[in-house]
N, C-alpha and C. Protein backbone atom coordinates (compact mmCIF):
# COMPACT_ATOMS: atom_id res chain seq x y z
N UNK A 1 -40.17 75.63 48.83
CA UNK A 1 -39.11 74.75 47.99
C UNK A 1 -39.59 73.63 47.40
N UNK A 2 -40.37 73.00 49.02
CA UNK A 2 -40.51 71.72 48.42
C UNK A 2 -41.93 71.92 47.50
N UNK A 3 -42.79 72.89 47.65
CA UNK A 3 -43.58 72.91 46.52
C UNK A 3 -43.23 72.87 44.79
N UNK A 4 -42.13 73.57 45.00
CA UNK A 4 -41.35 74.27 43.51
C UNK A 4 -40.66 72.28 42.88
N UNK A 5 -40.21 71.76 44.15
CA UNK A 5 -39.97 70.50 43.83
C UNK A 5 -40.90 70.12 43.30
N UNK A 6 -41.81 69.50 43.85
CA UNK A 6 -43.05 68.74 43.19
C UNK A 6 -43.98 69.28 42.48
N UNK A 7 -44.16 71.01 42.12
CA UNK A 7 -43.82 70.67 40.87
C UNK A 7 -43.13 70.09 39.33
N UNK A 8 -42.25 70.65 40.11
CA UNK A 8 -41.09 70.10 38.94
C UNK A 8 -40.85 68.59 38.46
N UNK A 9 -41.15 67.87 39.25
CA UNK A 9 -41.31 66.52 39.29
C UNK A 9 -43.13 66.20 38.54
N UNK A 10 -44.08 66.30 38.57
CA UNK A 10 -45.31 66.82 38.29
C UNK A 10 -45.34 67.01 36.66
N UNK A 11 -44.45 68.42 36.34
CA UNK A 11 -44.39 68.57 34.91
C UNK A 11 -44.09 67.38 34.02
N UNK A 12 -42.50 67.09 34.77
CA UNK A 12 -41.71 66.18 34.03
C UNK A 12 -42.25 64.83 33.71
N UNK A 13 -43.26 64.52 35.09
CA UNK A 13 -44.04 63.19 35.00
C UNK A 13 -45.02 63.61 33.56
N UNK A 14 -45.50 64.03 33.59
CA UNK A 14 -47.00 64.61 32.95
C UNK A 14 -46.74 64.75 31.59
N UNK A 15 -45.12 65.65 31.53
CA UNK A 15 -44.06 65.37 29.96
C UNK A 15 -44.00 63.86 29.00
N UNK A 16 -43.70 63.24 30.41
CA UNK A 16 -43.11 61.77 30.09
C UNK A 16 -44.16 61.20 29.31
N UNK A 17 -45.39 61.00 29.86
CA UNK A 17 -46.57 60.31 29.65
C UNK A 17 -46.84 61.01 28.80
N UNK A 18 -46.99 62.57 28.23
CA UNK A 18 -47.78 62.80 27.13
C UNK A 18 -46.88 62.30 26.14
N UNK A 19 -45.52 61.85 26.33
CA UNK A 19 -44.60 61.24 25.16
C UNK A 19 -45.03 60.17 24.42
N UNK A 20 -45.30 59.44 25.90
CA UNK A 20 -45.99 58.05 25.35
C UNK A 20 -46.81 57.13 25.19
N UNK A 21 -47.97 58.65 25.51
CA UNK A 21 -49.04 58.45 24.59
C UNK A 21 -49.04 59.17 23.14
N UNK A 22 -48.43 59.59 23.33
CA UNK A 22 -48.21 60.98 21.18
C UNK A 22 -47.48 59.48 20.58
N UNK A 23 -46.66 58.58 20.94
CA UNK A 23 -46.14 57.38 20.44
C UNK A 23 -47.58 56.52 20.31
N UNK A 24 -48.46 55.49 21.68
CA UNK A 24 -49.29 54.98 21.37
C UNK A 24 -50.27 55.26 20.14
N UNK A 25 -50.50 56.54 20.12
CA UNK A 25 -51.81 57.56 19.12
C UNK A 25 -51.36 57.33 17.80
N UNK A 26 -49.97 57.77 17.78
CA UNK A 26 -49.37 58.56 16.05
C UNK A 26 -47.87 57.59 16.84
N UNK A 27 -47.64 56.36 16.09
CA UNK A 27 -46.22 55.82 16.17
C UNK A 27 -45.94 56.24 14.74
N UNK A 28 -44.84 57.33 14.89
CA UNK A 28 -44.12 57.52 13.75
C UNK A 28 -43.17 58.19 14.47
N UNK A 29 -41.87 57.71 14.34
CA UNK A 29 -40.28 57.57 14.57
C UNK A 29 -39.24 57.86 13.37
N UNK A 30 -38.70 59.24 13.87
CA UNK A 30 -37.66 59.81 12.31
C UNK A 30 -36.86 58.71 12.52
N UNK A 31 -36.15 58.88 11.36
CA UNK A 31 -34.99 57.23 10.93
C UNK A 31 -34.08 57.06 12.29
N UNK A 32 -33.66 58.29 12.20
CA UNK A 32 -31.91 58.82 12.82
C UNK A 32 -32.21 58.53 13.90
N UNK A 33 -33.28 57.74 15.20
CA UNK A 33 -33.45 57.89 16.41
C UNK A 33 -33.99 57.18 16.65
N UNK A 34 -34.86 56.00 16.02
CA UNK A 34 -35.87 55.10 16.14
C UNK A 34 -34.97 53.36 16.48
N UNK A 35 -35.61 53.36 17.88
CA UNK A 35 -34.80 51.73 18.43
C UNK A 35 -34.49 50.65 17.03
N UNK A 36 -35.26 50.24 16.63
CA UNK A 36 -34.79 48.97 15.53
C UNK A 36 -35.33 49.48 14.12
N UNK A 37 -34.25 50.11 13.66
CA UNK A 37 -34.78 50.96 12.07
C UNK A 37 -35.15 49.56 11.58
N UNK A 38 -36.39 50.03 9.89
CA UNK A 38 -37.05 49.02 9.09
C UNK A 38 -35.80 48.34 8.45
N UNK A 39 -35.98 46.92 8.97
CA UNK A 39 -34.76 46.45 7.37
C UNK A 39 -34.89 45.91 6.19
N UNK A 40 -34.21 46.48 5.13
CA UNK A 40 -34.42 46.40 4.00
C UNK A 40 -33.99 45.00 3.19
N UNK A 41 -35.17 44.55 2.30
CA UNK A 41 -34.40 43.46 1.69
C UNK A 41 -33.42 43.50 1.61
N UNK A 42 -32.83 41.95 1.81
CA UNK A 42 -31.52 41.55 1.35
C UNK A 42 -30.05 42.46 2.68
N UNK A 43 -30.82 42.90 3.69
CA UNK A 43 -29.94 43.33 4.76
C UNK A 43 -29.61 42.26 5.51
N UNK A 44 -29.04 41.98 6.50
CA UNK A 44 -28.62 41.40 7.67
C UNK A 44 -30.02 42.31 9.23
N UNK A 45 -30.64 41.83 9.50
CA UNK A 45 -31.50 41.96 11.20
C UNK A 45 -30.42 41.43 11.98
N UNK A 46 -29.56 41.02 11.71
CA UNK A 46 -28.28 41.07 13.10
C UNK A 46 -27.37 42.15 13.28
N UNK A 47 -27.39 42.61 11.73
CA UNK A 47 -26.40 43.78 12.17
C UNK A 47 -26.72 45.32 13.19
N UNK A 48 -25.88 46.05 13.58
CA UNK A 48 -26.36 47.11 14.38
C UNK A 48 -27.21 48.52 13.52
N UNK A 49 -27.96 49.21 14.46
CA UNK A 49 -29.01 50.02 13.88
C UNK A 49 -27.88 50.37 12.93
N UNK A 50 -26.89 50.86 12.91
CA UNK A 50 -25.76 52.15 12.48
C UNK A 50 -25.64 51.48 10.49
N UNK A 51 -24.76 50.13 11.23
CA UNK A 51 -24.96 48.94 9.90
C UNK A 51 -26.03 48.53 9.32
N UNK A 52 -27.23 48.94 9.81
CA UNK A 52 -28.60 48.00 8.87
C UNK A 52 -29.03 49.73 8.33
N UNK A 53 -28.92 50.38 8.54
CA UNK A 53 -28.94 52.63 7.88
C UNK A 53 -27.88 51.75 6.65
N UNK A 54 -27.38 51.88 7.19
CA UNK A 54 -26.30 52.72 5.67
C UNK A 54 -26.80 51.08 5.03
N UNK A 55 -26.82 49.82 5.62
CA UNK A 55 -27.43 49.13 3.94
C UNK A 55 -28.67 49.65 3.24
N UNK A 56 -29.38 49.63 3.92
CA UNK A 56 -30.55 50.36 3.39
C UNK A 56 -30.29 51.74 2.53
N UNK A 57 -29.76 52.49 2.69
CA UNK A 57 -29.10 53.90 2.01
C UNK A 57 -28.49 53.26 0.93
N UNK A 58 -27.39 52.23 0.70
CA UNK A 58 -27.23 51.67 -0.42
C UNK A 58 -28.56 50.60 -1.21
N UNK A 59 -28.61 49.81 0.16
CA UNK A 59 -29.80 49.66 -1.82
C UNK A 59 -30.46 50.29 -2.22
N UNK A 60 -31.17 51.38 -1.11
CA UNK A 60 -31.95 52.51 -2.18
C UNK A 60 -31.34 53.41 -3.01
N UNK A 61 -30.00 53.67 -2.71
CA UNK A 61 -29.37 54.53 -3.86
C UNK A 61 -29.30 53.32 -5.09
N UNK A 62 -28.74 52.21 -5.11
CA UNK A 62 -29.00 51.15 -6.07
C UNK A 62 -29.62 51.14 -6.71
N UNK A 63 -30.79 51.15 -6.49
CA UNK A 63 -31.74 50.85 -6.97
C UNK A 63 -32.37 51.81 -7.71
N UNK A 64 -32.26 53.34 -7.27
CA UNK A 64 -32.65 54.61 -8.23
C UNK A 64 -31.76 54.66 -8.78
N UNK A 65 -30.27 53.95 -8.94
CA UNK A 65 -29.36 54.68 -10.14
C UNK A 65 -29.88 53.89 -10.77
N UNK A 66 -30.28 52.34 -11.12
CA UNK A 66 -30.18 51.24 -11.48
C UNK A 66 -31.99 51.74 -12.55
N UNK A 67 -32.61 52.82 -12.05
CA UNK A 67 -33.97 52.79 -12.36
C UNK A 67 -34.40 54.02 -13.10
N UNK A 68 -33.81 55.05 -12.12
CA UNK A 68 -34.57 56.57 -12.61
C UNK A 68 -34.12 56.85 -14.02
N UNK A 69 -34.61 57.58 -14.41
CA UNK A 69 -34.36 57.99 -15.97
C UNK A 69 -34.11 58.95 -16.47
N UNK A 70 -32.66 59.58 -16.44
CA UNK A 70 -32.03 61.00 -16.28
C UNK A 70 -32.35 61.33 -17.45
N UNK A 71 -32.62 60.46 -18.16
CA UNK A 71 -32.86 61.06 -20.20
C UNK A 71 -34.40 62.32 -19.66
N UNK A 72 -34.88 62.30 -18.93
CA UNK A 72 -36.20 62.95 -18.63
C UNK A 72 -35.20 64.00 -18.33
N UNK A 73 -34.45 64.82 -18.15
CA UNK A 73 -34.79 65.86 -17.90
C UNK A 73 -33.93 66.69 -19.14
N UNK A 74 -32.83 65.66 -20.54
CA UNK A 74 -32.61 66.18 -21.86
C UNK A 74 -34.18 66.27 -22.15
N UNK A 75 -34.99 65.67 -22.22
CA UNK A 75 -36.26 65.95 -22.99
C UNK A 75 -37.06 67.09 -22.49
N UNK A 76 -36.90 67.05 -21.42
CA UNK A 76 -37.72 68.35 -21.48
C UNK A 76 -37.28 69.89 -20.84
N UNK A 77 -35.78 69.71 -21.47
CA UNK A 77 -34.71 70.53 -21.99
C UNK A 77 -34.30 71.49 -20.59
N UNK A 78 -33.88 70.42 -19.17
CA UNK A 78 -33.25 70.97 -18.62
C UNK A 78 -31.81 72.24 -18.45
N UNK A 79 -31.12 72.85 -18.15
CA UNK A 79 -30.21 72.85 -18.90
C UNK A 79 -29.12 72.72 -17.92
N UNK A 80 -27.53 72.33 -18.25
CA UNK A 80 -27.09 71.70 -18.20
C UNK A 80 -26.74 72.22 -16.44
N UNK A 81 -26.53 71.21 -15.37
CA UNK A 81 -25.74 71.59 -14.27
C UNK A 81 -26.68 70.29 -12.90
N UNK A 82 -26.28 70.41 -12.16
CA UNK A 82 -26.76 69.90 -11.07
C UNK A 82 -28.20 69.88 -10.66
N UNK A 83 -28.95 68.68 -10.92
CA UNK A 83 -30.44 68.31 -10.69
C UNK A 83 -30.92 68.47 -9.50
N UNK A 84 -31.86 68.82 -8.30
CA UNK A 84 -32.29 67.95 -7.11
C UNK A 84 -32.82 67.65 -6.76
N UNK A 85 -33.66 66.62 -6.40
CA UNK A 85 -34.92 65.78 -6.29
C UNK A 85 -34.99 65.97 -4.62
N UNK A 86 -36.43 66.19 -4.51
CA UNK A 86 -36.44 65.52 -2.64
C UNK A 86 -37.90 64.61 -2.82
N UNK A 87 -37.36 63.49 -1.85
CA UNK A 87 -38.16 62.92 -1.94
C UNK A 87 -38.23 62.50 -0.92
N UNK A 88 -39.64 62.18 -0.34
CA UNK A 88 -40.24 61.54 1.25
C UNK A 88 -41.30 60.89 1.09
N UNK A 89 -40.67 59.93 2.25
CA UNK A 89 -41.86 58.27 2.13
C UNK A 89 -41.91 58.42 3.27
N UNK A 90 -42.90 57.36 3.31
CA UNK A 90 -43.23 56.34 4.47
C UNK A 90 -42.90 55.19 4.60
N UNK A 91 -42.21 54.08 5.54
CA UNK A 91 -42.61 52.74 5.74
C UNK A 91 -43.06 52.66 6.93
N UNK A 92 -44.80 52.03 6.66
CA UNK A 92 -45.04 51.57 7.50
C UNK A 92 -45.32 50.89 8.80
N UNK A 93 -46.41 50.46 9.49
CA UNK A 93 -46.14 49.36 10.31
C UNK A 93 -45.92 48.26 9.93
N UNK A 94 -46.21 47.87 8.70
CA UNK A 94 -46.22 46.59 8.20
C UNK A 94 -44.69 46.58 6.97
N UNK A 95 -43.76 47.29 6.85
CA UNK A 95 -43.32 47.91 6.53
C UNK A 95 -42.76 48.02 4.84
N UNK A 96 -44.29 48.68 4.37
CA UNK A 96 -44.84 48.94 2.92
C UNK A 96 -43.91 50.23 3.02
N UNK A 97 -43.72 50.68 2.18
CA UNK A 97 -43.85 52.24 1.37
C UNK A 97 -44.87 52.55 1.22
N UNK A 98 -45.24 53.63 1.76
CA UNK A 98 -46.22 55.25 1.74
C UNK A 98 -46.38 56.44 1.78
N UNK A 99 -47.07 57.30 0.99
CA UNK A 99 -47.68 58.88 1.71
C UNK A 99 -46.23 58.97 0.59
N UNK A 100 -45.77 58.94 -0.40
CA UNK A 100 -44.72 59.45 -1.26
C UNK A 100 -44.71 60.69 -1.91
N UNK A 101 -43.69 61.41 -2.15
CA UNK A 101 -44.42 62.89 -2.33
C UNK A 101 -42.96 62.62 -2.83
N UNK A 102 -42.86 64.10 -3.66
CA UNK A 102 -41.76 65.02 -4.47
C UNK A 102 -41.76 65.65 -4.55
N UNK A 103 -40.49 66.64 -4.94
CA UNK A 103 -40.20 68.23 -5.09
C UNK A 103 -39.19 68.26 -6.12
N UNK A 104 -39.20 68.81 -7.39
CA UNK A 104 -38.64 68.81 -8.29
C UNK A 104 -38.45 70.23 -8.85
N UNK A 105 -37.20 70.26 -9.96
CA UNK A 105 -37.42 71.60 -10.96
C UNK A 105 -38.70 71.56 -11.97
N UNK A 106 -39.09 69.79 -12.47
CA UNK A 106 -40.23 69.92 -13.08
C UNK A 106 -40.74 68.20 -13.07
N UNK A 107 -42.17 69.00 -12.95
CA UNK A 107 -43.24 67.88 -12.39
C UNK A 107 -43.26 66.13 -13.08
N UNK A 108 -42.20 66.19 -14.66
CA UNK A 108 -41.77 65.44 -14.90
C UNK A 108 -41.02 64.11 -14.08
N UNK A 109 -40.26 64.82 -13.50
CA UNK A 109 -38.74 64.60 -12.77
C UNK A 109 -39.48 64.04 -11.37
N UNK A 110 -40.44 64.54 -10.95
CA UNK A 110 -41.45 64.52 -9.88
C UNK A 110 -41.63 63.06 -10.34
N UNK A 111 -42.88 63.14 -10.96
CA UNK A 111 -43.49 61.83 -10.88
C UNK A 111 -42.06 60.96 -11.81
N UNK A 112 -41.35 60.39 -12.10
CA UNK A 112 -40.09 59.70 -12.07
C UNK A 112 -39.70 59.49 -10.48
N UNK A 113 -39.16 60.42 -10.28
CA UNK A 113 -38.56 60.20 -8.86
C UNK A 113 -40.47 59.25 -8.01
N UNK A 114 -41.51 60.05 -7.87
CA UNK A 114 -42.23 58.98 -7.26
C UNK A 114 -42.51 57.53 -7.70
N UNK A 115 -42.26 57.36 -9.18
CA UNK A 115 -42.03 56.02 -9.99
C UNK A 115 -41.15 55.13 -8.95
N UNK A 116 -40.19 55.40 -9.31
CA UNK A 116 -39.07 54.68 -9.03
C UNK A 116 -39.07 54.23 -7.34
N UNK A 117 -39.66 55.29 -6.81
CA UNK A 117 -39.95 55.14 -5.01
C UNK A 117 -40.62 53.76 -4.76
N UNK A 118 -41.69 54.00 -5.28
CA UNK A 118 -42.90 53.08 -5.70
C UNK A 118 -42.39 51.42 -5.64
N UNK A 119 -41.05 51.29 -6.47
CA UNK A 119 -39.98 50.08 -6.69
C UNK A 119 -39.40 49.55 -5.00
N UNK A 120 -39.41 50.10 -4.32
CA UNK A 120 -38.76 49.82 -2.97
C UNK A 120 -39.68 48.30 -2.47
N UNK A 121 -38.88 47.25 -2.25
CA UNK A 121 -40.15 46.23 -1.85
C UNK A 121 -40.30 46.39 -0.36
N UNK A 122 -41.02 45.69 -0.11
CA UNK A 122 -41.52 46.10 1.73
C UNK A 122 -40.10 45.20 2.27
N UNK A 123 -40.19 46.50 3.20
CA UNK A 123 -38.89 46.06 4.54
C UNK A 123 -39.21 44.66 4.66
N UNK A 124 -38.03 44.05 4.97
CA UNK A 124 -38.21 42.26 6.11
C UNK A 124 -38.94 42.82 7.59
N UNK A 125 -38.17 43.96 8.44
CA UNK A 125 -38.93 44.05 9.08
C UNK A 125 -39.20 45.15 9.09
N UNK A 126 -40.51 46.04 9.56
CA UNK A 126 -40.73 47.65 9.55
C UNK A 126 -40.08 48.14 10.90
N UNK A 127 -39.83 49.28 10.76
CA UNK A 127 -38.88 50.47 12.20
C UNK A 127 -40.33 49.48 13.82
N UNK A 128 -38.80 49.32 14.59
CA UNK A 128 -39.52 48.68 15.97
C UNK A 128 -39.20 49.97 16.88
N UNK A 129 -40.44 50.32 18.29
CA UNK A 129 -39.89 51.44 18.76
C UNK A 129 -40.58 50.85 20.24
N UNK A 130 -39.96 50.41 21.60
CA UNK A 130 -40.01 49.72 22.73
C UNK A 130 -41.30 48.07 22.30
N UNK A 131 -40.85 47.69 21.36
CA UNK A 131 -41.27 46.64 21.38
C UNK A 131 -42.35 46.51 20.04
N UNK A 132 -43.14 47.85 19.72
CA UNK A 132 -43.63 47.95 18.98
C UNK A 132 -43.59 48.15 17.74
N UNK A 133 -44.29 47.97 16.39
CA UNK A 133 -43.91 48.67 14.96
C UNK A 133 -44.57 49.53 14.82
N UNK A 134 -43.77 50.59 14.36
CA UNK A 134 -43.79 52.40 13.63
C UNK A 134 -43.81 52.66 12.63
N UNK A 135 -43.95 53.81 12.39
CA UNK A 135 -44.37 54.12 10.96
C UNK A 135 -43.24 54.95 11.11
N UNK A 136 -42.42 54.76 9.85
CA UNK A 136 -41.24 55.72 10.37
C UNK A 136 -41.18 56.38 8.89
N UNK A 137 -40.85 57.81 8.78
CA UNK A 137 -40.69 59.27 7.82
C UNK A 137 -39.18 58.88 6.96
N UNK A 138 -38.75 58.75 5.67
CA UNK A 138 -37.73 58.62 5.32
C UNK A 138 -37.94 59.83 4.16
N UNK A 139 -36.44 60.32 4.35
CA UNK A 139 -36.47 61.65 3.64
C UNK A 139 -34.97 61.46 2.36
N UNK A 140 -35.37 61.35 1.21
CA UNK A 140 -34.01 61.18 0.02
C UNK A 140 -33.67 62.13 -0.42
N UNK A 141 -32.99 62.80 -1.36
CA UNK A 141 -32.18 63.58 -2.20
C UNK A 141 -31.40 62.93 -3.12
N UNK A 142 -32.56 62.77 -4.28
CA UNK A 142 -31.79 62.15 -5.77
C UNK A 142 -31.29 63.27 -6.38
N UNK A 143 -29.97 63.41 -6.55
CA UNK A 143 -29.55 64.13 -7.57
C UNK A 143 -28.69 63.87 -8.28
N UNK A 144 -27.98 64.61 -9.32
CA UNK A 144 -27.93 64.07 -10.40
C UNK A 144 -27.05 64.79 -12.05
N UNK A 145 -25.96 65.11 -12.64
CA UNK A 145 -25.62 65.64 -13.38
C UNK A 145 -26.72 65.92 -14.53
N UNK A 146 -26.76 66.88 -15.52
CA UNK A 146 -27.29 67.32 -16.35
C UNK A 146 -26.35 67.80 -17.58
N UNK A 147 -26.29 67.01 -18.28
CA UNK A 147 -25.10 67.36 -19.38
C UNK A 147 -25.21 67.27 -21.05
N UNK A 148 -25.63 68.25 -21.38
CA UNK A 148 -25.77 68.34 -22.98
C UNK A 148 -25.34 68.66 -24.03
N UNK A 149 -24.17 68.71 -23.40
CA UNK A 149 -22.87 68.76 -24.29
C UNK A 149 -22.97 67.29 -25.05
N UNK A 150 -22.79 66.59 -25.08
CA UNK A 150 -22.55 65.64 -25.68
C UNK A 150 -23.94 65.29 -27.15
N UNK A 151 -24.60 65.93 -26.55
CA UNK A 151 -26.31 65.58 -27.73
C UNK A 151 -25.86 67.04 -28.68
N UNK A 152 -24.79 67.98 -28.11
CA UNK A 152 -25.11 69.34 -29.46
C UNK A 152 -23.60 68.93 -30.09
N UNK A 153 -22.99 68.45 -29.80
CA UNK A 153 -21.77 67.97 -30.57
C UNK A 153 -22.08 67.17 -31.62
N UNK A 154 -22.81 66.03 -30.78
CA UNK A 154 -23.26 64.85 -32.15
C UNK A 154 -24.40 65.99 -33.49
N UNK A 155 -25.15 66.66 -32.76
CA UNK A 155 -25.59 68.20 -33.54
C UNK A 155 -24.24 68.38 -34.94
N UNK A 156 -23.64 68.84 -34.03
CA UNK A 156 -22.39 69.51 -35.66
C UNK A 156 -22.36 68.70 -36.26
N UNK A 157 -21.20 67.75 -35.47
CA UNK A 157 -20.39 66.13 -35.91
C UNK A 157 -21.94 65.54 -37.28
N UNK A 158 -23.04 65.89 -37.69
CA UNK A 158 -23.84 65.66 -38.82
C UNK A 158 -23.80 65.87 -39.24
């Protein structure tokens, strides 16, 4: 019985050490579980993690809604309905947005999503885990409706 307990303790200890080494060698943590999330410019650093996340989400949504050119969808002839674009990027140890990629129903929309994400300013503070800056992956959906009906009604009126 002592042998089983000893083996169990060794396994648990080696697992913890492996996780700590992984953080040291590849400091990248998911946005939802990081001790201190990155702080977007204009968000209060003294807020709780949950409030900083909410502020960051709001600021990024605001930036996208002001700068994303949804008319591209009409120009490329997308049908009416919901358009979904998935964007993934990282906030590095210096608070800079890096490694932006996107998936969309058309390459022009992917380019536009990447262009807009590049407008995100450097963070006031990078993500922090155990007192050290870490890279934080961030996933973001961009959704909007395509409505070509006003375009068709204008043509009929002319």
